[in-house]
Amino acid sequence: YFLKKNGLKPIIAASDTFRAAAQEQLAYHATKLEVPIVKGKYGGDPAAVAVDAINAAKSRGLDVVLVDTAGRMHVDADLVEELRKIIRVAKPNLRLLIIDSLAGSDALEQAKVFNEKVGYDGVVLSKIDADVKGGIALSLAYELEKPVLFLGVGQGYEDLIPFDPEWFVKRLLE
Protein backbone atom coordinates (compact mmCIF):
# COMPACT_ATOMS: atom_id res chain seq x y z
CA TYR A 1 0.00 0.00 0.00
CA PHE A 2 2.69 2.47 1.07
CA LEU A 3 4.83 1.83 -2.00
CA LYS A 4 1.94 2.12 -4.45
CA LYS A 5 0.69 5.26 -2.69
CA ASN A 6 4.13 6.75 -3.30
CA GLY A 7 4.13 5.96 -7.01
CA LEU A 8 6.21 2.79 -6.98
CA LYS A 9 5.36 -0.51 -8.65
CA PRO A 10 6.08 -3.43 -6.28
CA ILE A 11 6.04 -7.19 -6.62
CA ILE A 12 6.03 -9.65 -3.73
CA ALA A 13 8.20 -12.75 -3.41
CA ALA A 14 6.42 -15.25 -1.15
CA SER A 15 9.64 -16.82 0.14
CA ASP A 16 8.06 -18.44 3.18
CA THR A 17 7.74 -21.85 1.57
CA PHE A 18 7.35 -23.76 4.83
CA ARG A 19 4.59 -22.29 7.01
CA ALA A 20 1.18 -23.71 6.21
CA ALA A 21 -0.98 -21.19 4.33
CA ALA A 22 1.75 -18.51 4.36
CA GLN A 23 1.65 -18.07 0.60
CA GLU A 24 -2.15 -18.09 0.48
CA GLN A 25 -2.31 -15.43 3.17
CA LEU A 26 0.17 -13.25 1.31
CA ALA A 27 -1.60 -13.87 -2.02
CA TYR A 28 -4.88 -12.72 -0.48
CA HIS A 29 -3.34 -9.38 0.48
CA ALA A 30 -1.48 -9.05 -2.81
CA THR A 31 -4.76 -9.51 -4.68
CA LYS A 32 -6.55 -6.93 -2.52
CA LEU A 33 -3.74 -4.44 -3.15
CA GLU A 34 -3.42 -5.37 -6.83
CA VAL A 35 0.26 -6.25 -6.43
CA PRO A 36 1.75 -9.16 -8.38
CA ILE A 37 3.13 -12.06 -6.36
CA VAL A 38 5.59 -14.85 -7.10
CA LYS A 39 5.08 -18.04 -5.12
CA GLY A 40 7.07 -21.25 -4.86
CA LYS A 41 6.35 -24.86 -4.04
CA TYR A 42 5.79 -25.75 -0.41
CA GLY A 43 9.09 -26.98 0.95
CA GLY A 44 10.85 -25.38 -2.01
CA ASP A 45 13.89 -23.11 -2.03
CA PRO A 46 12.99 -19.66 -0.65
CA ALA A 47 15.99 -18.10 -2.41
CA ALA A 48 14.74 -19.37 -5.77
CA VAL A 49 11.41 -17.63 -5.17
CA ALA A 50 13.25 -14.37 -4.48
CA VAL A 51 15.29 -14.70 -7.68
CA ASP A 52 12.15 -15.53 -9.70
CA ALA A 53 10.48 -12.38 -8.34
CA ILE A 54 13.52 -10.25 -9.21
CA ASN A 55 13.48 -11.60 -12.76
CA ALA A 56 9.72 -10.98 -13.00
CA ALA A 57 10.20 -7.41 -11.76
CA LYS A 58 12.87 -6.76 -14.39
CA SER A 59 10.77 -8.18 -17.21
CA ARG A 60 7.64 -6.25 -16.13
CA GLY A 61 9.37 -2.94 -15.40
CA LEU A 62 8.54 -3.00 -11.69
CA ASP A 63 10.44 -0.88 -9.16
CA VAL A 64 10.50 -2.81 -5.89
CA VAL A 65 10.72 -6.47 -4.91
CA LEU A 66 9.45 -7.24 -1.41
CA VAL A 67 10.79 -10.59 -0.24
CA ASP A 68 8.64 -12.01 2.54
CA THR A 69 10.59 -14.65 4.44
CA ALA A 70 9.58 -17.10 7.13
CA GLY A 71 9.58 -15.70 10.61
CA ARG A 72 12.58 -17.05 12.41
CA MET A 73 14.07 -17.27 15.82
CA HIS A 74 17.53 -15.78 16.06
CA VAL A 75 18.77 -18.99 17.68
CA ASP A 76 17.72 -21.27 14.79
CA ALA A 77 20.92 -21.82 12.79
CA ASP A 78 19.18 -23.45 9.79
CA LEU A 79 16.74 -20.58 9.35
CA VAL A 80 19.51 -18.01 9.73
CA GLU A 81 21.53 -19.82 7.04
CA GLU A 82 18.46 -19.86 4.78
CA LEU A 83 18.20 -16.09 5.18
CA ARG A 84 21.91 -15.68 4.38
CA LYS A 85 21.36 -17.64 1.17
CA ILE A 86 18.46 -15.41 0.15
CA ILE A 87 20.64 -12.35 0.75
CA ARG A 88 23.56 -13.88 -1.13
CA VAL A 89 21.55 -14.68 -4.27
CA ALA A 90 19.06 -11.79 -4.24
CA LYS A 91 21.57 -9.07 -3.31
CA PRO A 92 18.94 -6.74 -1.80
CA ASN A 93 19.41 -2.97 -1.76
CA LEU A 94 17.65 -2.69 1.59
CA ARG A 95 17.18 -5.27 4.34
CA LEU A 96 14.58 -4.56 7.00
CA LEU A 97 14.15 -6.39 10.28
CA ILE A 98 10.58 -6.52 11.55
CA ILE A 99 10.51 -6.27 15.34
CA ASP A 100 7.50 -6.71 17.61
CA SER A 101 7.62 -3.63 19.84
CA LEU A 102 5.92 -5.59 22.62
CA ALA A 103 8.80 -8.09 22.87
CA GLY A 104 10.82 -5.82 25.19
CA SER A 105 14.40 -6.80 25.95
CA ASP A 106 14.07 -9.95 23.84
CA ALA A 107 13.50 -7.71 20.82
CA LEU A 108 16.81 -5.96 21.43
CA GLU A 109 18.60 -9.30 21.84
CA GLN A 110 17.01 -10.57 18.62
CA ALA A 111 18.09 -7.41 16.79
CA LYS A 112 21.66 -7.77 18.08
CA VAL A 113 21.96 -11.40 17.02
CA PHE A 114 20.43 -10.76 13.58
CA ASN A 115 22.80 -7.86 13.08
CA GLU A 116 25.78 -10.09 13.91
CA LYS A 117 24.67 -13.12 11.90
CA VAL A 118 22.87 -11.59 8.93
CA GLY A 119 23.01 -7.80 9.02
CA TYR A 120 20.21 -5.41 8.15
CA ASP A 121 19.82 -1.74 7.28
CA GLY A 122 16.82 -0.61 9.28
CA VAL A 123 13.89 -1.66 11.40
CA VAL A 124 10.12 -1.78 11.13
CA LEU A 125 8.52 -1.72 14.58
CA SER A 126 5.20 -3.53 14.60
CA LYS A 127 2.39 -3.24 17.16
CA ILE A 128 3.53 0.22 18.24
CA ASP A 129 -0.15 1.08 18.78
CA ALA A 130 -0.28 -1.49 21.60
CA ASP A 131 3.04 -0.50 23.20
CA VAL A 132 2.84 2.08 25.95
CA LYS A 133 6.03 3.91 25.03
CA GLY A 134 7.97 2.05 22.33
CA GLY A 135 11.32 2.42 24.04
CA ILE A 136 12.80 -0.33 21.88
CA ALA A 137 13.24 2.31 19.15
CA LEU A 138 15.68 4.22 21.36
CA SER A 139 17.57 1.06 22.27
CA LEU A 140 17.93 0.06 18.62
CA ALA A 141 19.17 3.50 17.63
CA TYR A 142 21.54 3.86 20.58
CA GLU A 143 22.96 0.35 20.95
CA LEU A 144 22.94 -0.83 17.34
CA GLU A 145 22.92 2.45 15.42
CA LYS A 146 20.08 1.11 13.28
CA PRO A 147 17.34 3.48 12.20
CA VAL A 148 13.70 2.73 12.74
CA LEU A 149 12.23 3.42 9.30
CA PHE A 150 8.57 2.46 9.70
CA LEU A 151 6.01 1.87 12.42
CA GLY A 152 3.05 -0.45 12.41
CA VAL A 153 0.31 1.52 14.18
CA GLY A 154 -2.69 -0.72 13.50
CA GLN A 155 -4.03 -3.58 11.43
CA GLY A 156 -4.89 -1.78 8.17
CA TYR A 157 -2.76 -1.34 5.07
CA GLU A 158 -2.58 2.39 5.74
CA ASP A 159 -1.24 1.71 9.25
CA LEU A 160 2.37 1.24 8.16
CA ILE A 161 3.76 4.74 8.49
CA PRO A 162 7.21 6.32 8.15
CA PHE A 163 8.96 6.82 11.47
CA ASP A 164 8.61 10.44 12.62
CA PRO A 165 11.17 11.24 15.37
CA GLU A 166 9.27 14.30 16.62
CA TRP A 167 6.01 12.38 16.96
CA PHE A 168 7.86 9.57 18.69
CA VAL A 169 9.60 11.82 21.23
CA LYS A 170 6.30 13.54 22.07
CA ARG A 171 4.76 10.13 22.64
CA LEU A 172 7.63 9.08 24.93
CA LEU A 173 7.24 12.22 27.02
CA GLU A 174 3.46 11.96 27.44
C-alpha atoms as a PDB file:
ATOM      1  CA  TYR A   1       0.000   0.000   0.000  1.00  0.00           C
ATOM      2  CA  PHE A   2       2.693   2.472   1.069  1.00  0.00           C
ATOM      3  CA  LEU A   3       4.832   1.827  -2.005  1.00  0.00           C
ATOM      4  CA  LYS A   4       1.940   2.123  -4.450  1.00  0.00           C
ATOM      5  CA  LYS A   5       0.694   5.256  -2.686  1.00  0.00           C
ATOM      6  CA  ASN A   6       4.131   6.755  -3.297  1.00  0.00           C
ATOM      7  CA  GLY A   7       4.130   5.962  -7.007  1.00  0.00           C
ATOM      8  CA  LEU A   8       6.208   2.785  -6.978  1.00  0.00           C
ATOM      9  CA  LYS A   9       5.363  -0.511  -8.648  1.00  0.00           C
ATOM     10  CA  PRO A  10       6.080  -3.430  -6.285  1.00  0.00           C
ATOM     11  CA  ILE A  11       6.036  -7.193  -6.623  1.00  0.00           C
ATOM     12  CA  ILE A  12       6.031  -9.654  -3.727  1.00  0.00           C
ATOM     13  CA  ALA A  13       8.200 -12.752  -3.406  1.00  0.00           C
ATOM     14  CA  ALA A  14       6.424 -15.255  -1.153  1.00  0.00           C
ATOM     15  CA  SER A  15       9.637 -16.825   0.135  1.00  0.00           C
ATOM     16  CA  ASP A  16       8.061 -18.443   3.179  1.00  0.00           C
ATOM     17  CA  THR A  17       7.737 -21.854   1.575  1.00  0.00           C
ATOM     18  CA  PHE A  18       7.349 -23.763   4.829  1.00  0.00           C
ATOM     19  CA  ARG A  19       4.591 -22.293   7.014  1.00  0.00           C
ATOM     20  CA  ALA A  20       1.180 -23.713   6.213  1.00  0.00           C
ATOM     21  CA  ALA A  21      -0.977 -21.193   4.327  1.00  0.00           C
ATOM     22  CA  ALA A  22       1.750 -18.507   4.364  1.00  0.00           C
ATOM     23  CA  GLN A  23       1.654 -18.073   0.599  1.00  0.00           C
ATOM     24  CA  GLU A  24      -2.147 -18.093   0.478  1.00  0.00           C
ATOM     25  CA  GLN A  25      -2.308 -15.431   3.169  1.00  0.00           C
ATOM     26  CA  LEU A  26       0.172 -13.248   1.312  1.00  0.00           C
ATOM     27  CA  ALA A  27      -1.595 -13.871  -2.019  1.00  0.00           C
ATOM     28  CA  TYR A  28      -4.878 -12.717  -0.475  1.00  0.00           C
ATOM     29  CA  HIS A  29      -3.339  -9.376   0.481  1.00  0.00           C
ATOM     30  CA  ALA A  30      -1.476  -9.048  -2.813  1.00  0.00           C
ATOM     31  CA  THR A  31      -4.760  -9.509  -4.677  1.00  0.00           C
ATOM     32  CA  LYS A  32      -6.555  -6.932  -2.517  1.00  0.00           C
ATOM     33  CA  LEU A  33      -3.738  -4.444  -3.149  1.00  0.00           C
ATOM     34  CA  GLU A  34      -3.420  -5.370  -6.831  1.00  0.00           C
ATOM     35  CA  VAL A  35       0.258  -6.250  -6.427  1.00  0.00           C
ATOM     36  CA  PRO A  36       1.753  -9.164  -8.380  1.00  0.00           C
ATOM     37  CA  ILE A  37       3.125 -12.061  -6.364  1.00  0.00           C
ATOM     38  CA  VAL A  38       5.590 -14.850  -7.097  1.00  0.00           C
ATOM     39  CA  LYS A  39       5.075 -18.043  -5.123  1.00  0.00           C
ATOM     40  CA  GLY A  40       7.073 -21.248  -4.859  1.00  0.00           C
ATOM     41  CA  LYS A  41       6.348 -24.856  -4.045  1.00  0.00           C
ATOM     42  CA  TYR A  42       5.792 -25.746  -0.412  1.00  0.00           C
ATOM     43  CA  GLY A  43       9.086 -26.979   0.951  1.00  0.00           C
ATOM     44  CA  GLY A  44      10.854 -25.379  -2.009  1.00  0.00           C
ATOM     45  CA  ASP A  45      13.889 -23.114  -2.034  1.00  0.00           C
ATOM     46  CA  PRO A  46      12.992 -19.662  -0.655  1.00  0.00           C
ATOM     47  CA  ALA A  47      15.995 -18.096  -2.411  1.00  0.00           C
ATOM     48  CA  ALA A  48      14.742 -19.374  -5.775  1.00  0.00           C
ATOM     49  CA  VAL A  49      11.405 -17.631  -5.169  1.00  0.00           C
ATOM     50  CA  ALA A  50      13.251 -14.367  -4.479  1.00  0.00           C
ATOM     51  CA  VAL A  51      15.289 -14.697  -7.679  1.00  0.00           C
ATOM     52  CA  ASP A  52      12.153 -15.529  -9.701  1.00  0.00           C
ATOM     53  CA  ALA A  53      10.479 -12.375  -8.336  1.00  0.00           C
ATOM     54  CA  ILE A  54      13.519 -10.253  -9.208  1.00  0.00           C
ATOM     55  CA  ASN A  55      13.477 -11.600 -12.759  1.00  0.00           C
ATOM     56  CA  ALA A  56       9.720 -10.984 -13.003  1.00  0.00           C
ATOM     57  CA  ALA A  57      10.196  -7.411 -11.764  1.00  0.00           C
ATOM     58  CA  LYS A  58      12.869  -6.756 -14.388  1.00  0.00           C
ATOM     59  CA  SER A  59      10.772  -8.185 -17.205  1.00  0.00           C
ATOM     60  CA  ARG A  60       7.641  -6.252 -16.127  1.00  0.00           C
ATOM     61  CA  GLY A  61       9.373  -2.942 -15.403  1.00  0.00           C
ATOM     62  CA  LEU A  62       8.541  -2.996 -11.690  1.00  0.00           C
ATOM     63  CA  ASP A  63      10.441  -0.875  -9.155  1.00  0.00           C
ATOM     64  CA  VAL A  64      10.500  -2.812  -5.889  1.00  0.00           C
ATOM     65  CA  VAL A  65      10.716  -6.473  -4.911  1.00  0.00           C
ATOM     66  CA  LEU A  66       9.446  -7.239  -1.415  1.00  0.00           C
ATOM     67  CA  VAL A  67      10.787 -10.587  -0.240  1.00  0.00           C
ATOM     68  CA  ASP A  68       8.643 -12.015   2.535  1.00  0.00           C
ATOM     69  CA  THR A  69      10.592 -14.650   4.442  1.00  0.00           C
ATOM     70  CA  ALA A  70       9.582 -17.101   7.129  1.00  0.00           C
ATOM     71  CA  GLY A  71       9.577 -15.699  10.612  1.00  0.00           C
ATOM     72  CA  ARG A  72      12.578 -17.052  12.409  1.00  0.00           C
ATOM     73  CA  MET A  73      14.074 -17.270  15.825  1.00  0.00           C
ATOM     74  CA  HIS A  74      17.533 -15.775  16.060  1.00  0.00           C
ATOM     75  CA  VAL A  75      18.774 -18.989  17.678  1.00  0.00           C
ATOM     76  CA  ASP A  76      17.723 -21.269  14.786  1.00  0.00           C
ATOM     77  CA  ALA A  77      20.925 -21.820  12.786  1.00  0.00           C
ATOM     78  CA  ASP A  78      19.184 -23.455   9.792  1.00  0.00           C
ATOM     79  CA  LEU A  79      16.742 -20.581   9.351  1.00  0.00           C
ATOM     80  CA  VAL A  80      19.512 -18.006   9.725  1.00  0.00           C
ATOM     81  CA  GLU A  81      21.526 -19.822   7.038  1.00  0.00           C
ATOM     82  CA  GLU A  82      18.460 -19.861   4.780  1.00  0.00           C
ATOM     83  CA  LEU A  83      18.199 -16.095   5.177  1.00  0.00           C
ATOM     84  CA  ARG A  84      21.906 -15.682   4.380  1.00  0.00           C
ATOM     85  CA  LYS A  85      21.363 -17.637   1.169  1.00  0.00           C
ATOM     86  CA  ILE A  86      18.456 -15.409   0.146  1.00  0.00           C
ATOM     87  CA  ILE A  87      20.639 -12.347   0.750  1.00  0.00           C
ATOM     88  CA  ARG A  88      23.562 -13.877  -1.133  1.00  0.00           C
ATOM     89  CA  VAL A  89      21.550 -14.683  -4.265  1.00  0.00           C
ATOM     90  CA  ALA A  90      19.055 -11.788  -4.245  1.00  0.00           C
ATOM     91  CA  LYS A  91      21.567  -9.065  -3.314  1.00  0.00           C
ATOM     92  CA  PRO A  92      18.945  -6.737  -1.804  1.00  0.00           C
ATOM     93  CA  ASN A  93      19.409  -2.969  -1.761  1.00  0.00           C
ATOM     94  CA  LEU A  94      17.652  -2.687   1.594  1.00  0.00           C
ATOM     95  CA  ARG A  95      17.182  -5.267   4.338  1.00  0.00           C
ATOM     96  CA  LEU A  96      14.575  -4.561   6.998  1.00  0.00           C
ATOM     97  CA  LEU A  97      14.151  -6.389  10.280  1.00  0.00           C
ATOM     98  CA  ILE A  98      10.575  -6.517  11.549  1.00  0.00           C
ATOM     99  CA  ILE A  99      10.509  -6.267  15.342  1.00  0.00           C
ATOM    100  CA  ASP A 100       7.498  -6.708  17.614  1.00  0.00           C
ATOM    101  CA  SER A 101       7.624  -3.626  19.843  1.00  0.00           C
ATOM    102  CA  LEU A 102       5.922  -5.590  22.622  1.00  0.00           C
ATOM    103  CA  ALA A 103       8.801  -8.086  22.872  1.00  0.00           C
ATOM    104  CA  GLY A 104      10.817  -5.820  25.191  1.00  0.00           C
ATOM    105  CA  SER A 105      14.404  -6.798  25.946  1.00  0.00           C
ATOM    106  CA  ASP A 106      14.072  -9.952  23.842  1.00  0.00           C
ATOM    107  CA  ALA A 107      13.501  -7.713  20.819  1.00  0.00           C
ATOM    108  CA  LEU A 108      16.808  -5.962  21.426  1.00  0.00           C
ATOM    109  CA  GLU A 109      18.600  -9.296  21.835  1.00  0.00           C
ATOM    110  CA  GLN A 110      17.006 -10.565  18.621  1.00  0.00           C
ATOM    111  CA  ALA A 111      18.092  -7.410  16.785  1.00  0.00           C
ATOM    112  CA  LYS A 112      21.665  -7.769  18.077  1.00  0.00           C
ATOM    113  CA  VAL A 113      21.956 -11.403  17.015  1.00  0.00           C
ATOM    114  CA  PHE A 114      20.430 -10.764  13.585  1.00  0.00           C
ATOM    115  CA  ASN A 115      22.802  -7.863  13.077  1.00  0.00           C
ATOM    116  CA  GLU A 116      25.781 -10.085  13.908  1.00  0.00           C
ATOM    117  CA  LYS A 117      24.666 -13.117  11.903  1.00  0.00           C
ATOM    118  CA  VAL A 118      22.865 -11.592   8.929  1.00  0.00           C
ATOM    119  CA  GLY A 119      23.008  -7.800   9.020  1.00  0.00           C
ATOM    120  CA  TYR A 120      20.213  -5.407   8.153  1.00  0.00           C
ATOM    121  CA  ASP A 121      19.822  -1.740   7.275  1.00  0.00           C
ATOM    122  CA  GLY A 122      16.821  -0.614   9.276  1.00  0.00           C
ATOM    123  CA  VAL A 123      13.891  -1.660  11.402  1.00  0.00           C
ATOM    124  CA  VAL A 124      10.123  -1.775  11.129  1.00  0.00           C
ATOM    125  CA  LEU A 125       8.521  -1.724  14.583  1.00  0.00           C
ATOM    126  CA  SER A 126       5.196  -3.533  14.595  1.00  0.00           C
ATOM    127  CA  LYS A 127       2.389  -3.239  17.156  1.00  0.00           C
ATOM    128  CA  ILE A 128       3.527   0.216  18.243  1.00  0.00           C
ATOM    129  CA  ASP A 129      -0.146   1.078  18.777  1.00  0.00           C
ATOM    130  CA  ALA A 130      -0.281  -1.494  21.596  1.00  0.00           C
ATOM    131  CA  ASP A 131       3.036  -0.501  23.197  1.00  0.00           C
ATOM    132  CA  VAL A 132       2.837   2.082  25.953  1.00  0.00           C
ATOM    133  CA  LYS A 133       6.035   3.913  25.025  1.00  0.00           C
ATOM    134  CA  GLY A 134       7.966   2.050  22.327  1.00  0.00           C
ATOM    135  CA  GLY A 135      11.325   2.420  24.044  1.00  0.00           C
ATOM    136  CA  ILE A 136      12.796  -0.334  21.875  1.00  0.00           C
ATOM    137  CA  ALA A 137      13.243   2.311  19.153  1.00  0.00           C
ATOM    138  CA  LEU A 138      15.682   4.218  21.364  1.00  0.00           C
ATOM    139  CA  SER A 139      17.568   1.060  22.266  1.00  0.00           C
ATOM    140  CA  LEU A 140      17.929   0.059  18.623  1.00  0.00           C
ATOM    141  CA  ALA A 141      19.165   3.499  17.629  1.00  0.00           C
ATOM    142  CA  TYR A 142      21.544   3.857  20.577  1.00  0.00           C
ATOM    143  CA  GLU A 143      22.955   0.354  20.954  1.00  0.00           C
ATOM    144  CA  LEU A 144      22.942  -0.834  17.340  1.00  0.00           C
ATOM    145  CA  GLU A 145      22.924   2.450  15.424  1.00  0.00           C
ATOM    146  CA  LYS A 146      20.084   1.106  13.285  1.00  0.00           C
ATOM    147  CA  PRO A 147      17.340   3.476  12.199  1.00  0.00           C
ATOM    148  CA  VAL A 148      13.695   2.734  12.738  1.00  0.00           C
ATOM    149  CA  LEU A 149      12.231   3.422   9.301  1.00  0.00           C
ATOM    150  CA  PHE A 150       8.571   2.455   9.697  1.00  0.00           C
ATOM    151  CA  LEU A 151       6.014   1.874  12.424  1.00  0.00           C
ATOM    152  CA  GLY A 152       3.046  -0.452  12.406  1.00  0.00           C
ATOM    153  CA  VAL A 153       0.311   1.516  14.179  1.00  0.00           C
ATOM    154  CA  GLY A 154      -2.686  -0.723  13.501  1.00  0.00           C
ATOM    155  CA  GLN A 155      -4.031  -3.584  11.427  1.00  0.00           C
ATOM    156  CA  GLY A 156      -4.886  -1.785   8.171  1.00  0.00           C
ATOM    157  CA  TYR A 157      -2.757  -1.342   5.065  1.00  0.00           C
ATOM    158  CA  GLU A 158      -2.576   2.393   5.740  1.00  0.00           C
ATOM    159  CA  ASP A 159      -1.238   1.708   9.254  1.00  0.00           C
ATOM    160  CA  LEU A 160       2.368   1.235   8.155  1.00  0.00           C
ATOM    161  CA  ILE A 161       3.763   4.742   8.487  1.00  0.00           C
ATOM    162  CA  PRO A 162       7.213   6.317   8.146  1.00  0.00           C
ATOM    163  CA  PHE A 163       8.962   6.823  11.466  1.00  0.00           C
ATOM    164  CA  ASP A 164       8.613  10.440  12.616  1.00  0.00           C
ATOM    165  CA  PRO A 165      11.168  11.236  15.366  1.00  0.00           C
ATOM    166  CA  GLU A 166       9.273  14.304  16.617  1.00  0.00           C
ATOM    167  CA  TRP A 167       6.005  12.382  16.960  1.00  0.00           C
ATOM    168  CA  PHE A 168       7.858   9.572  18.689  1.00  0.00           C
ATOM    169  CA  VAL A 169       9.600  11.824  21.226  1.00  0.00           C
ATOM    170  CA  LYS A 170       6.298  13.536  22.067  1.00  0.00           C
ATOM    171  CA  ARG A 171       4.762  10.131  22.638  1.00  0.00           C
ATOM    172  CA  LEU A 172       7.627   9.082  24.932  1.00  0.00           C
ATOM    173  CA  LEU A 173       7.241  12.224  27.023  1.00  0.00           C
ATOM    174  CA  GLU A 174       3.460  11.963  27.444  1.00  0.00           C
END
